[in-house]
C-alpha atoms as a PDB file:
ATOM      1  CA  MET A   1     -33.490   8.939  23.560  1.00  0.00           C
ATOM      2  CA  THR A   2     -33.151   7.417  20.121  1.00  0.00           C
ATOM      3  CA  ILE A   3     -29.855   8.012  18.314  1.00  0.00           C
ATOM      4  CA  GLU A   4     -30.127   8.414  14.543  1.00  0.00           C
ATOM      5  CA  PHE A   5     -27.265   8.607  12.073  1.00  0.00           C
ATOM      6  CA  THR A   6     -26.370   8.103   8.415  1.00  0.00           C
ATOM      7  CA  VAL A   7     -24.703   4.979   6.988  1.00  0.00           C
ATOM      8  CA  PHE A   8     -23.643   3.935   3.507  1.00  0.00           C
ATOM      9  CA  LYS A   9     -24.970   0.481   2.697  1.00  0.00           C
ATOM     10  CA  GLY A  10     -24.525  -2.214   0.132  1.00  0.00           C
ATOM     11  CA  SER A  11     -27.526  -3.642  -1.685  1.00  0.00           C
ATOM     12  CA  LYS A  12     -28.609  -6.778  -3.512  1.00  0.00           C
ATOM     13  CA  GLU A  13     -28.055  -4.875  -6.757  1.00  0.00           C
ATOM     14  CA  GLY A  14     -24.462  -4.150  -5.756  1.00  0.00           C
ATOM     15  CA  THR A  15     -24.987  -0.391  -5.617  1.00  0.00           C
ATOM     16  CA  ILE A  16     -24.054   1.653  -2.563  1.00  0.00           C
ATOM     17  CA  LYS A  17     -26.876   3.617  -0.961  1.00  0.00           C
ATOM     18  CA  GLU A  18     -27.201   6.255   1.742  1.00  0.00           C
ATOM     19  CA  ALA A  19     -29.562   5.327   4.558  1.00  0.00           C
ATOM     20  CA  LYS A  20     -30.582   6.202   8.094  1.00  0.00           C
ATOM     21  CA  THR A  21     -30.219   3.859  11.054  1.00  0.00           C
ATOM     22  CA  GLN A  22     -31.268   4.128  14.673  1.00  0.00           C
ATOM     23  CA  ARG A  23     -29.957   2.923  18.014  1.00  0.00           C
ATOM     24  CA  ASP A  24     -31.646   3.070  21.403  1.00  0.00           C
ATOM     25  CA  ASP A  25     -30.204   5.235  24.133  1.00  0.00           C
ATOM     26  CA  LEU A  26     -26.754   4.086  25.245  1.00  0.00           C
ATOM     27  CA  GLN A  27     -26.831   1.001  27.466  1.00  0.00           C
ATOM     28  CA  ARG A  28     -24.166  -0.648  29.653  1.00  0.00           C
ATOM     29  CA  ASP A  29     -20.734   0.284  28.214  1.00  0.00           C
ATOM     30  CA  ASP A  30     -22.046   1.546  24.843  1.00  0.00           C
ATOM     31  CA  VAL A  31     -20.115   4.439  23.313  1.00  0.00           C
ATOM     32  CA  LEU A  32     -21.360   6.846  20.664  1.00  0.00           C
ATOM     33  CA  VAL A  33     -18.546   7.658  18.226  1.00  0.00           C
ATOM     34  CA  ARG A  34     -18.616  10.416  15.611  1.00  0.00           C
ATOM     35  CA  VAL A  35     -16.787   8.897  12.662  1.00  0.00           C
ATOM     36  CA  THR A  36     -14.010  11.070  11.237  1.00  0.00           C
ATOM     37  CA  HIS A  37     -12.143   8.526   9.085  1.00  0.00           C
ATOM     38  CA  SER A  38     -12.641   5.052   7.693  1.00  0.00           C
ATOM     39  CA  GLY A  39     -10.295   2.762   5.859  1.00  0.00           C
ATOM     40  CA  VAL A  40     -11.574   1.095   2.706  1.00  0.00           C
ATOM     41  CA  CYS A  41     -10.825  -2.624   2.496  1.00  0.00           C
ATOM     42  CA  GLY A  42     -11.245  -5.406  -0.049  1.00  0.00           C
ATOM     43  CA  THR A  43     -13.638  -6.932   2.466  1.00  0.00           C
ATOM     44  CA  ASP A  44     -16.068  -4.112   1.757  1.00  0.00           C
ATOM     45  CA  LEU A  45     -16.107  -5.103  -1.925  1.00  0.00           C
ATOM     46  CA  HIS A  46     -17.313  -8.574  -0.938  1.00  0.00           C
ATOM     47  CA  TYR A  47     -20.164  -7.096   1.096  1.00  0.00           C
ATOM     48  CA  GLN A  48     -21.176  -4.502  -1.486  1.00  0.00           C
ATOM     49  CA  GLY A  49     -23.879  -6.922  -2.612  1.00  0.00           C
ATOM     50  CA  ALA A  50     -25.322  -7.360   0.872  1.00  0.00           C
ATOM     51  CA  ASP A  51     -28.025  -5.239   2.513  1.00  0.00           C
ATOM     52  CA  MET A  52     -25.786  -3.987   5.317  1.00  0.00           C
ATOM     53  CA  ALA A  53     -23.798  -0.950   6.409  1.00  0.00           C
ATOM     54  CA  LEU A  54     -20.266  -1.034   5.044  1.00  0.00           C
ATOM     55  CA  GLY A  55     -16.903  -0.373   6.663  1.00  0.00           C
ATOM     56  CA  HIS A  56     -14.976  -1.860   9.575  1.00  0.00           C
ATOM     57  CA  GLU A  57     -11.816   0.299   9.832  1.00  0.00           C
ATOM     58  CA  GLY A  58     -13.305   3.239  11.711  1.00  0.00           C
ATOM     59  CA  THR A  59     -11.751   6.036  13.708  1.00  0.00           C
ATOM     60  CA  GLY A  60     -13.521   8.946  15.345  1.00  0.00           C
ATOM     61  CA  VAL A  61     -14.270  10.988  18.434  1.00  0.00           C
ATOM     62  CA  VAL A  62     -16.318   9.909  21.459  1.00  0.00           C
ATOM     63  CA  GLU A  63     -19.498  11.978  21.754  1.00  0.00           C
ATOM     64  CA  ASP A  64     -21.234  10.155  24.617  1.00  0.00           C
ATOM     65  CA  VAL A  65     -20.872   7.070  26.804  1.00  0.00           C
ATOM     66  CA  GLY A  66     -23.223   4.635  28.504  1.00  0.00           C
ATOM     67  CA  PRO A  67     -23.658   4.274  32.297  1.00  0.00           C
ATOM     68  CA  ASP A  68     -21.113   1.440  32.637  1.00  0.00           C
ATOM     69  CA  ALA A  69     -18.372   2.973  30.485  1.00  0.00           C
ATOM     70  CA  HIS A  70     -15.484   3.941  32.743  1.00  0.00           C
ATOM     71  CA  ILE A  71     -12.401   4.235  30.524  1.00  0.00           C
ATOM     72  CA  LEU A  72     -13.419   6.481  27.643  1.00  0.00           C
ATOM     73  CA  LYS A  73     -14.730  10.019  27.923  1.00  0.00           C
ATOM     74  CA  LYS A  74     -16.152  12.618  25.581  1.00  0.00           C
ATOM     75  CA  GLY A  75     -13.513  13.907  23.182  1.00  0.00           C
ATOM     76  CA  ASP A  76     -11.298  10.790  23.187  1.00  0.00           C
ATOM     77  CA  ARG A  77     -10.092   9.564  19.799  1.00  0.00           C
ATOM     78  CA  VAL A  78     -10.850   5.888  19.252  1.00  0.00           C
ATOM     79  CA  GLY A  79     -10.957   3.261  16.560  1.00  0.00           C
ATOM     80  CA  TRP A  80     -12.398  -0.204  16.048  1.00  0.00           C
ATOM     81  CA  GLY A  81     -11.818  -3.238  13.915  1.00  0.00           C
ATOM     82  CA  TYR A  82     -13.552  -6.419  12.864  1.00  0.00           C
ATOM     83  CA  GLU A  83     -14.820  -7.852  16.149  1.00  0.00           C
ATOM     84  CA  HIS A  84     -17.562  -6.075  18.112  1.00  0.00           C
ATOM     85  CA  ASP A  85     -18.388  -8.428  20.998  1.00  0.00           C
ATOM     86  CA  CYS A  86     -17.858 -11.836  22.591  1.00  0.00           C
ATOM     87  CA  CYS A  87     -19.364 -13.855  25.442  1.00  0.00           C
ATOM     88  CA  GLY A  88     -16.544 -13.039  27.876  1.00  0.00           C
ATOM     89  CA  HIS A  89     -16.674 -16.325  29.831  1.00  0.00           C
ATOM     90  CA  CYS A  90     -15.733 -19.224  27.527  1.00  0.00           C
ATOM     91  CA  ARG A  91     -12.229 -20.738  27.395  1.00  0.00           C
ATOM     92  CA  PRO A  92     -11.043 -18.648  24.419  1.00  0.00           C
ATOM     93  CA  CYS A  93     -12.336 -15.435  26.007  1.00  0.00           C
ATOM     94  CA  LEU A  94     -10.683 -16.177  29.341  1.00  0.00           C
ATOM     95  CA  THR A  95      -7.335 -17.021  27.727  1.00  0.00           C
ATOM     96  CA  GLY A  96      -7.019 -13.960  25.506  1.00  0.00           C
ATOM     97  CA  TRP A  97      -8.390 -15.578  22.356  1.00  0.00           C
ATOM     98  CA  GLU A  98     -11.806 -13.919  22.296  1.00  0.00           C
ATOM     99  CA  THR A  99     -11.623 -13.873  18.501  1.00  0.00           C
ATOM    100  CA  MET A 100     -12.217 -17.648  18.678  1.00  0.00           C
ATOM    101  CA  CYS A 101     -15.344 -17.250  20.827  1.00  0.00           C
ATOM    102  CA  ARG A 102     -18.317 -19.089  19.323  1.00  0.00           C
ATOM    103  CA  GLN A 103     -20.566 -16.180  20.262  1.00  0.00           C
ATOM    104  CA  ARG A 104     -18.278 -13.529  18.808  1.00  0.00           C
ATOM    105  CA  LYS A 105     -19.818 -10.710  16.795  1.00  0.00           C
ATOM    106  CA  MET A 106     -17.966  -9.814  13.627  1.00  0.00           C
ATOM    107  CA  TYR A 107     -18.400  -7.398  10.750  1.00  0.00           C
ATOM    108  CA  GLY A 108     -20.677  -8.973   8.176  1.00  0.00           C
ATOM    109  CA  SER A 109     -22.363 -11.341  10.631  1.00  0.00           C
ATOM    110  CA  ALA A 110     -23.704  -9.032  13.382  1.00  0.00           C
ATOM    111  CA  ASP A 111     -24.678  -5.378  13.864  1.00  0.00           C
ATOM    112  CA  LEU A 112     -25.419  -5.112  10.159  1.00  0.00           C
ATOM    113  CA  ASP A 113     -27.149  -1.756  10.631  1.00  0.00           C
ATOM    114  CA  GLN A 114     -23.908   0.108  11.254  1.00  0.00           C
ATOM    115  CA  GLY A 115     -20.349   0.325  10.013  1.00  0.00           C
ATOM    116  CA  SER A 116     -17.532   2.828   9.567  1.00  0.00           C
ATOM    117  CA  PHE A 117     -18.856   4.266   6.288  1.00  0.00           C
ATOM    118  CA  ALA A 118     -21.106   6.483   8.385  1.00  0.00           C
ATOM    119  CA  THR A 119     -21.514   9.662  10.373  1.00  0.00           C
ATOM    120  CA  HIS A 120     -21.642   7.807  13.715  1.00  0.00           C
ATOM    121  CA  ALA A 121     -21.457   4.349  15.257  1.00  0.00           C
ATOM    122  CA  VAL A 122     -22.298   2.793  18.637  1.00  0.00           C
ATOM    123  CA  TRP A 123     -19.932   0.112  19.939  1.00  0.00           C
ATOM    124  CA  ARG A 124     -19.059  -1.424  23.281  1.00  0.00           C
ATOM    125  CA  GLU A 125     -16.277   0.393  25.109  1.00  0.00           C
ATOM    126  CA  ALA A 126     -14.567  -2.992  25.552  1.00  0.00           C
ATOM    127  CA  PHE A 127     -14.050  -3.248  21.786  1.00  0.00           C
ATOM    128  CA  LEU A 128     -12.838   0.286  21.105  1.00  0.00           C
ATOM    129  CA  PHE A 129      -9.158   1.218  20.992  1.00  0.00           C
ATOM    130  CA  LYS A 130      -7.671   4.531  22.043  1.00  0.00           C
ATOM    131  CA  ILE A 131      -5.594   6.063  19.280  1.00  0.00           C
ATOM    132  CA  PRO A 132      -2.064   7.000  20.438  1.00  0.00           C
ATOM    133  CA  GLU A 133      -1.479  10.742  20.747  1.00  0.00           C
ATOM    134  CA  ASN A 134       1.269  10.800  18.120  1.00  0.00           C
ATOM    135  CA  MET A 135      -0.791   8.901  15.536  1.00  0.00           C
ATOM    136  CA  SER A 136      -3.229  10.680  13.228  1.00  0.00           C
ATOM    137  CA  SER A 137      -6.776   9.374  12.901  1.00  0.00           C
ATOM    138  CA  LEU A 138      -6.213   9.139   9.146  1.00  0.00           C
ATOM    139  CA  ASP A 139      -3.244   6.800   9.585  1.00  0.00           C
ATOM    140  CA  ALA A 140      -5.011   4.840  12.325  1.00  0.00           C
ATOM    141  CA  GLY A 141      -7.984   3.918  10.109  1.00  0.00           C
ATOM    142  CA  PRO A 142      -6.265   1.349   7.846  1.00  0.00           C
ATOM    143  CA  LEU A 143      -4.294  -0.027  10.795  1.00  0.00           C
ATOM    144  CA  MET A 144      -7.579  -1.103  12.390  1.00  0.00           C
ATOM    145  CA  CYS A 145      -7.738  -3.768   9.680  1.00  0.00           C
ATOM    146  CA  GLY A 146      -4.705  -3.830   7.392  1.00  0.00           C
ATOM    147  CA  GLY A 147      -2.294  -3.486  10.282  1.00  0.00           C
ATOM    148  CA  SER A 148      -4.011  -5.914  12.561  1.00  0.00           C
ATOM    149  CA  SER A 149      -6.482  -7.978  10.590  1.00  0.00           C
ATOM    150  CA  MET A 150      -7.920  -8.975   7.275  1.00  0.00           C
ATOM    151  CA  TYR A 151     -10.211 -11.740   6.080  1.00  0.00           C
ATOM    152  CA  MET A 152     -11.407 -13.443   2.965  1.00  0.00           C
ATOM    153  CA  VAL A 153     -14.747 -14.741   1.780  1.00  0.00           C
ATOM    154  CA  SER A 154     -15.995 -17.076  -0.893  1.00  0.00           C
ATOM    155  CA  GLY A 155     -19.372 -17.534  -2.487  1.00  0.00           C
ATOM    156  CA  ARG A 156     -22.080 -15.305  -1.058  1.00  0.00           C
ATOM    157  CA  PRO A 157     -21.084 -12.053   0.616  1.00  0.00           C
ATOM    158  CA  SER A 158     -22.335 -13.383   3.935  1.00  0.00           C
ATOM    159  CA  THR A 159     -20.147 -16.495   3.839  1.00  0.00           C
ATOM    160  CA  LEU A 160     -17.186 -16.024   6.153  1.00  0.00           C
ATOM    161  CA  THR A 161     -14.415 -18.549   5.529  1.00  0.00           C
ATOM    162  CA  ARG A 162     -11.201 -17.216   7.022  1.00  0.00           C
ATOM    163  CA  PHE A 163      -9.439 -14.354   8.785  1.00  0.00           C
ATOM    164  CA  THR A 164      -5.786 -13.476   8.915  1.00  0.00           C
ATOM    165  CA  ALA A 165      -3.529 -10.580   9.791  1.00  0.00           C
ATOM    166  CA  VAL A 166      -0.259  -8.742   9.212  1.00  0.00           C
ATOM    167  CA  PHE A 167       0.870  -7.847  12.744  1.00  0.00           C
ATOM    168  CA  ASN A 168      -1.012 -10.816  14.157  1.00  0.00           C
ATOM    169  CA  ALA A 169       0.708 -13.143  11.661  1.00  0.00           C
ATOM    170  CA  LEU A 170       4.101 -11.961  12.892  1.00  0.00           C
ATOM    171  CA  HIS A 171       2.926 -12.313  16.498  1.00  0.00           C
ATOM    172  CA  VAL A 172       1.373 -15.789  16.205  1.00  0.00           C
ATOM    173  CA  ALA A 173       4.328 -17.124  14.175  1.00  0.00           C
ATOM    174  CA  GLY A 174       6.685 -15.997  16.941  1.00  0.00           C
ATOM    175  CA  VAL A 175       8.900 -13.959  14.629  1.00  0.00           C
ATOM    176  CA  ARG A 176      12.205 -13.036  16.276  1.00  0.00           C
ATOM    177  CA  PRO A 177      14.366  -9.943  15.656  1.00  0.00           C
ATOM    178  CA  THR A 178      17.072 -12.231  14.219  1.00  0.00           C
ATOM    179  CA  ALA A 179      14.723 -13.752  11.637  1.00  0.00           C
ATOM    180  CA  ARG A 180      14.949 -13.400   7.893  1.00  0.00           C
ATOM    181  CA  VAL A 181      11.358 -12.568   6.959  1.00  0.00           C
ATOM    182  CA  GLY A 182      10.188 -12.994   3.382  1.00  0.00           C
ATOM    183  CA  ILE A 183       7.200 -10.941   2.248  1.00  0.00           C
ATOM    184  CA  VAL A 184       5.445 -11.850  -0.985  1.00  0.00           C
ATOM    185  CA  GLY A 185       3.712  -8.840  -2.539  1.00  0.00           C
ATOM    186  CA  VAL A 186       3.979  -5.081  -2.072  1.00  0.00           C
ATOM    187  CA  GLY A 187       0.425  -3.775  -1.730  1.00  0.00           C
ATOM    188  CA  GLY A 188      -2.172  -2.864   0.874  1.00  0.00           C
ATOM    189  CA  LEU A 189      -0.933  -5.547   3.290  1.00  0.00           C
ATOM    190  CA  GLY A 190       2.582  -6.050   2.015  1.00  0.00           C
ATOM    191  CA  HIS A 191       3.723  -2.450   2.427  1.00  0.00           C
ATOM    192  CA  LEU A 192       2.641  -2.590   6.084  1.00  0.00           C
ATOM    193  CA  ALA A 193       4.203  -6.019   6.657  1.00  0.00           C
ATOM    194  CA  ILE A 194       7.557  -4.685   5.403  1.00  0.00           C
ATOM    195  CA  GLN A 195       7.459  -1.840   7.906  1.00  0.00           C
ATOM    196  CA  PHE A 196       6.410  -3.981  10.876  1.00  0.00           C
ATOM    197  CA  ALA A 197       9.022  -6.681  10.238  1.00  0.00           C
ATOM    198  CA  ALA A 198      11.797  -4.146   9.592  1.00  0.00           C
ATOM    199  CA  ARG A 199      11.016  -2.211  12.792  1.00  0.00           C
ATOM    200  CA  MET A 200      11.103  -5.503  14.699  1.00  0.00           C
ATOM    201  CA  GLY A 201      14.731  -5.748  13.656  1.00  0.00           C
ATOM    202  CA  CYS A 202      14.251  -8.496  11.084  1.00  0.00           C
ATOM    203  CA  GLN A 203      16.040  -8.835   7.764  1.00  0.00           C
ATOM    204  CA  VAL A 204      13.192  -8.253   5.317  1.00  0.00           C
ATOM    205  CA  ILE A 205      13.280  -9.970   1.930  1.00  0.00           C
ATOM    206  CA  VAL A 206      10.609  -8.802  -0.514  1.00  0.00           C
ATOM    207  CA  PHE A 207       9.295 -10.707  -3.520  1.00  0.00           C
ATOM    208  CA  SER A 208       7.255  -8.935  -6.212  1.00  0.00           C
ATOM    209  CA  GLY A 209       6.324  -9.653  -9.801  1.00  0.00           C
ATOM    210  CA  THR A 210       8.579  -7.010 -11.339  1.00  0.00           C
ATOM    211  CA  ASN A 211      11.278  -4.565 -10.233  1.00  0.00           C
ATOM    212  CA  SER A 212       8.870  -1.603 -10.394  1.00  0.00           C
ATOM    213  CA  LYS A 213       8.416  -1.454  -6.600  1.00  0.00           C
ATOM    214  CA  GLU A 214      12.001  -2.221  -5.566  1.00  0.00           C
ATOM    215  CA  GLU A 215      12.967   1.341  -4.631  1.00  0.00           C
ATOM    216  CA  GLU A 216       9.770   1.846  -2.639  1.00  0.00           C
ATOM    217  CA  ALA A 217      10.133  -1.499  -0.838  1.00  0.00           C
ATOM    218  CA  LYS A 218      13.675  -0.644   0.242  1.00  0.00           C
ATOM    219  CA  LYS A 219      12.573   2.776   1.498  1.00  0.00           C
ATOM    220  CA  LEU A 220       9.971   0.991   3.632  1.00  0.00           C
ATOM    221  CA  GLY A 221      12.652  -1.263   5.132  1.00  0.00           C
ATOM    222  CA  ALA A 222      13.397  -4.134   2.753  1.00  0.00           C
ATOM    223  CA  ALA A 223      16.998  -5.372   2.805  1.00  0.00           C
ATOM    224  CA  GLU A 224      16.649  -7.514  -0.319  1.00  0.00           C
ATOM    225  CA  PHE A 225      14.274  -7.502  -3.294  1.00  0.00           C
ATOM    226  CA  TYR A 226      13.617 -10.184  -5.906  1.00  0.00           C
ATOM    227  CA  ALA A 227      11.424 -10.058  -9.027  1.00  0.00           C
ATOM    228  CA  THR A 228       9.529 -13.326  -9.526  1.00  0.00           C
ATOM    229  CA  LYS A 229       7.617 -12.998 -12.809  1.00  0.00           C
ATOM    230  CA  GLY A 230       8.602 -15.868 -15.088  1.00  0.00           C
ATOM    231  CA  ALA A 231      11.193 -17.160 -12.600  1.00  0.00           C
ATOM    232  CA  LYS A 232      11.750 -20.933 -12.426  1.00  0.00           C
ATOM    233  CA  GLU A 233      13.912 -20.652  -9.322  1.00  0.00           C
ATOM    234  CA  LEU A 234      14.974 -17.997  -6.847  1.00  0.00           C
ATOM    235  CA  LYS A 235      18.562 -17.597  -5.768  1.00  0.00           C
ATOM    236  CA  ILE A 236      18.636 -15.534  -2.592  1.00  0.00           C
ATOM    237  CA  LYS A 237      21.446 -14.739  -0.164  1.00  0.00           C
ATOM    238  CA  ALA A 238      20.289 -17.005   2.665  1.00  0.00           C
ATOM    239  CA  PRO A 239      17.236 -19.097   3.618  1.00  0.00           C
ATOM    240  CA  ILE A 240      14.049 -17.514   5.005  1.00  0.00           C
ATOM    241  CA  ASP A 241      12.803 -18.217   8.529  1.00  0.00           C
ATOM    242  CA  ASN A 242       9.308 -16.750   8.089  1.00  0.00           C
ATOM    243  CA  LEU A 243       7.328 -16.242   4.895  1.00  0.00           C
ATOM    244  CA  ILE A 244       4.362 -13.817   4.866  1.00  0.00           C
ATOM    245  CA  VAL A 245       2.254 -14.153   1.716  1.00  0.00           C
ATOM    246  CA  THR A 246       0.146 -11.031   1.060  1.00  0.00           C
ATOM    247  CA  THR A 247      -0.748 -11.473  -2.607  1.00  0.00           C
ATOM    248  CA  SER A 248      -4.344 -11.722  -3.847  1.00  0.00           C
ATOM    249  CA  SER A 249      -3.928 -15.402  -4.748  1.00  0.00           C
ATOM    250  CA  GLN A 250      -1.691 -18.297  -3.812  1.00  0.00           C
ATOM    251  CA  PRO A 251       1.879 -18.030  -5.104  1.00  0.00           C
ATOM    252  CA  ASP A 252       4.007 -20.619  -6.895  1.00  0.00           C
ATOM    253  CA  TRP A 253       4.754 -22.576  -3.724  1.00  0.00           C
ATOM    254  CA  PRO A 254       7.749 -24.627  -5.032  1.00  0.00           C
ATOM    255  CA  LEU A 255       9.490 -21.338  -5.838  1.00  0.00           C
ATOM    256  CA  TYR A 256       9.535 -20.410  -2.156  1.00  0.00           C
ATOM    257  CA  LEU A 257       9.726 -23.748  -0.340  1.00  0.00           C
ATOM    258  CA  SER A 258      13.224 -24.373  -1.663  1.00  0.00           C
ATOM    259  CA  ASN A 259      14.318 -21.132   0.030  1.00  0.00           C
ATOM    260  CA  MET A 260      12.848 -21.857   3.484  1.00  0.00           C
ATOM    261  CA  SER A 261      15.001 -22.550   6.528  1.00  0.00           C
ATOM    262  CA  PRO A 262      14.447 -25.826   8.419  1.00  0.00           C
ATOM    263  CA  ASN A 263      11.507 -25.364  10.836  1.00  0.00           C
ATOM    264  CA  GLY A 264      10.480 -22.205   8.951  1.00  0.00           C
ATOM    265  CA  VAL A 265       6.967 -20.811   9.276  1.00  0.00           C
ATOM    266  CA  ILE A 266       4.698 -19.885   6.356  1.00  0.00           C
ATOM    267  CA  SER A 267       1.848 -17.440   7.036  1.00  0.00           C
ATOM    268  CA  PRO A 268      -0.529 -17.364   4.040  1.00  0.00           C
ATOM    269  CA  LEU A 269      -2.672 -14.222   3.941  1.00  0.00           C
ATOM    270  CA  SER A 270      -3.837 -14.663   0.356  1.00  0.00           C
ATOM    271  CA  VAL A 271      -7.501 -14.281  -0.536  1.00  0.00           C
ATOM    272  CA  ASP A 272      -8.101 -17.520  -2.379  1.00  0.00           C
ATOM    273  CA  ALA A 273     -11.177 -19.742  -2.214  1.00  0.00           C
ATOM    274  CA  ASN A 274      -9.286 -22.711  -3.680  1.00  0.00           C
ATOM    275  CA  ASP A 275      -7.730 -25.498  -1.643  1.00  0.00           C
ATOM    276  CA  LEU A 276      -4.219 -25.044  -0.324  1.00  0.00           C
ATOM    277  CA  LYS A 277      -2.014 -27.251  -2.500  1.00  0.00           C
ATOM    278  CA  ILE A 278       1.614 -27.373  -1.490  1.00  0.00           C
ATOM    279  CA  PRO A 279       4.495 -29.808  -2.168  1.00  0.00           C
ATOM    280  CA  TYR A 280       4.370 -32.402   0.598  1.00  0.00           C
ATOM    281  CA  MET A 281       7.934 -33.725   0.896  1.00  0.00           C
ATOM    282  CA  PRO A 282       9.696 -30.327   1.285  1.00  0.00           C
ATOM    283  CA  LEU A 283       7.186 -29.521   4.042  1.00  0.00           C
ATOM    284  CA  LEU A 284       7.833 -32.860   5.750  1.00  0.00           C
ATOM    285  CA  VAL A 285      11.621 -33.210   5.558  1.00  0.00           C
ATOM    286  CA  ASN A 286      12.300 -29.553   6.447  1.00  0.00           C
ATOM    287  CA  GLY A 287       9.831 -29.432   9.339  1.00  0.00           C
ATOM    288  CA  LEU A 288       8.013 -26.430   7.856  1.00  0.00           C
ATOM    289  CA  ARG A 289       4.866 -25.065   9.495  1.00  0.00           C
ATOM    290  CA  ILE A 290       1.891 -23.407   7.819  1.00  0.00           C
ATOM    291  CA  GLN A 291       0.349 -21.034  10.347  1.00  0.00           C
ATOM    292  CA  GLY A 292      -3.249 -19.939   9.914  1.00  0.00           C
ATOM    293  CA  GLY A 293      -4.627 -16.962  11.780  1.00  0.00           C
ATOM    294  CA  ILE A 294      -7.626 -14.818  12.583  1.00  0.00           C
ATOM    295  CA  VAL A 295      -8.157 -11.195  13.552  1.00  0.00           C
ATOM    296  CA  SER A 296      -5.945 -10.192  16.447  1.00  0.00           C
ATOM    297  CA  SER A 297      -7.134 -10.253  20.033  1.00  0.00           C
ATOM    298  CA  ARG A 298      -7.697  -6.890  21.688  1.00  0.00           C
ATOM    299  CA  GLN A 299      -4.372  -6.909  23.528  1.00  0.00           C
ATOM    300  CA  VAL A 300      -2.446  -7.716  20.344  1.00  0.00           C
ATOM    301  CA  HIS A 301      -4.436  -4.979  18.606  1.00  0.00           C
ATOM    302  CA  ARG A 302      -3.365  -2.515  21.320  1.00  0.00           C
ATOM    303  CA  ASP A 303       0.229  -3.715  20.994  1.00  0.00           C
ATOM    304  CA  MET A 304       0.067  -3.118  17.238  1.00  0.00           C
ATOM    305  CA  LEU A 305      -1.137   0.473  17.660  1.00  0.00           C
ATOM    306  CA  GLU A 306       1.516   1.246  20.271  1.00  0.00           C
ATOM    307  CA  PHE A 307       4.247  -0.346  18.160  1.00  0.00           C
ATOM    308  CA  ALA A 308       3.165   1.526  15.021  1.00  0.00           C
ATOM    309  CA  ALA A 309       3.015   4.831  16.901  1.00  0.00           C
ATOM    310  CA  PHE A 310       6.431   4.380  18.539  1.00  0.00           C
ATOM    311  CA  HIS A 311       8.138   3.352  15.291  1.00  0.00           C
ATOM    312  CA  ASN A 312       6.243   5.840  13.111  1.00  0.00           C
ATOM    313  CA  ILE A 313       4.733   3.130  10.908  1.00  0.00           C
ATOM    314  CA  LYS A 314       2.224   4.671   8.521  1.00  0.00           C
ATOM    315  CA  PRO A 315       0.100   3.330   5.692  1.00  0.00           C
ATOM    316  CA  ILE A 316       0.483   4.882   2.255  1.00  0.00           C
ATOM    317  CA  THR A 317      -2.981   6.289   1.606  1.00  0.00           C
ATOM    318  CA  MET A 318      -5.341   7.840  -0.903  1.00  0.00           C
ATOM    319  CA  THR A 319      -8.177   9.921   0.565  1.00  0.00           C
ATOM    320  CA  PHE A 320     -11.809  10.356  -0.471  1.00  0.00           C
ATOM    321  CA  PRO A 321     -14.678  12.381   1.049  1.00  0.00           C
ATOM    322  CA  MET A 322     -17.139  10.573   3.337  1.00  0.00           C
ATOM    323  CA  THR A 323     -20.036  11.155   0.956  1.00  0.00           C
ATOM    324  CA  LEU A 324     -22.028   8.811  -1.254  1.00  0.00           C
ATOM    325  CA  GLU A 325     -19.953   9.918  -4.243  1.00  0.00           C
ATOM    326  CA  GLY A 326     -16.723   9.577  -2.277  1.00  0.00           C
ATOM    327  CA  VAL A 327     -17.598   6.076  -1.076  1.00  0.00           C
ATOM    328  CA  GLN A 328     -18.453   4.999  -4.616  1.00  0.00           C
ATOM    329  CA  GLU A 329     -15.207   6.469  -5.983  1.00  0.00           C
ATOM    330  CA  SER A 330     -13.096   4.782  -3.317  1.00  0.00           C
ATOM    331  CA  VAL A 331     -14.709   1.398  -3.885  1.00  0.00           C
ATOM    332  CA  ASN A 332     -14.297   1.699  -7.662  1.00  0.00           C
ATOM    333  CA  THR A 333     -10.647   2.718  -7.261  1.00  0.00           C
ATOM    334  CA  LEU A 334     -10.031  -0.359  -5.144  1.00  0.00           C
ATOM    335  CA  LYS A 335     -11.983  -2.601  -7.497  1.00  0.00           C
ATOM    336  CA  ASP A 336      -9.976  -1.344 -10.491  1.00  0.00           C
ATOM    337  CA  GLY A 337      -6.700  -2.113  -8.742  1.00  0.00           C
ATOM    338  CA  LYS A 338      -5.655   1.549  -8.670  1.00  0.00           C
ATOM    339  CA  MET A 339      -5.523   2.052  -4.890  1.00  0.00           C
ATOM    340  CA  ARG A 340      -2.061   2.933  -3.584  1.00  0.00           C
ATOM    341  CA  TYR A 341      -2.090   1.340  -1.123  1.00  0.00           C
ATOM    342  CA  ARG A 342      -4.925   1.964   1.347  1.00  0.00           C
ATOM    343  CA  GLY A 343      -8.016   4.108   0.771  1.00  0.00           C
ATOM    344  CA  VAL A 344      -9.343   6.343   3.556  1.00  0.00           C
ATOM    345  CA  LEU A 345     -12.705   8.114   3.701  1.00  0.00           C
ATOM    346  CA  VAL A 346     -12.518  11.493   5.443  1.00  0.00           C
ATOM    347  CA  ALA A 347     -15.556  13.149   7.018  1.00  0.00           C
END
């Protein structure tokens, strides 16, 4: 039996269009999900000019499962993120790093006929995540990307250059509860990074252009706040062990390097197609580490959802209807820089 559903696609003209797509009857561990919510990410802006279904922060309800699916059942609430498949037998796959698999299937490079801006989607059970009972599907949507993963592109929409993550950045950098964690930027990623680091027990130090977001940052868990616009130097209470950079471009690196602890770790999440240019001697003599990343593995993704549910970590959201007009409005709101802080499409 052929499964048909509606998706909202990008186009070469850059306009979003409504279209129909089809999938064959469910095979192996395929799962048919009725989409109820979808986060809206800057990634989707990059792919707006590509002939592909948009959206990769989906949550919904299981409607049917394939013959080899044995975990999920009809009625379960699930979500999915950036990666859809991997080979399952290479070294990265067998060591919990399936996101490094050379045969991995990612949003924007595979399964271009479906996304989370849609009525339904069909994904492998192995790459779907159960949503915790005490977490709403609306809140879970942005966490499928903003909480766990994000990426950046340069050039053509199909050119994938780098992935990185909020929770995964904290995980890969080995952040400890005793750490002083600096977070540059209070936005779609930054407001989640503040919450995660604070709930981990860290002292969270937030840097933003002006003081306009100080009260909000402290409500989210920041212990200290510093405005950086026009600053030639930053005088903070104590050095920073981990620096998470969530701004849309690279910061003024010398401003922060002088405030790093010896052996500190810098996790750059900025979307910037330029080369990384950073003062060499401070990096060398202080033993600093710049830690790249990629979307989180499935176990880290599960850990993120459980952690967020237990500690009541929620994205600050704006909602839009899952219609052609709603998709267009959400994308334009994001493009105009007026999203506070994560957009969610609601069916």
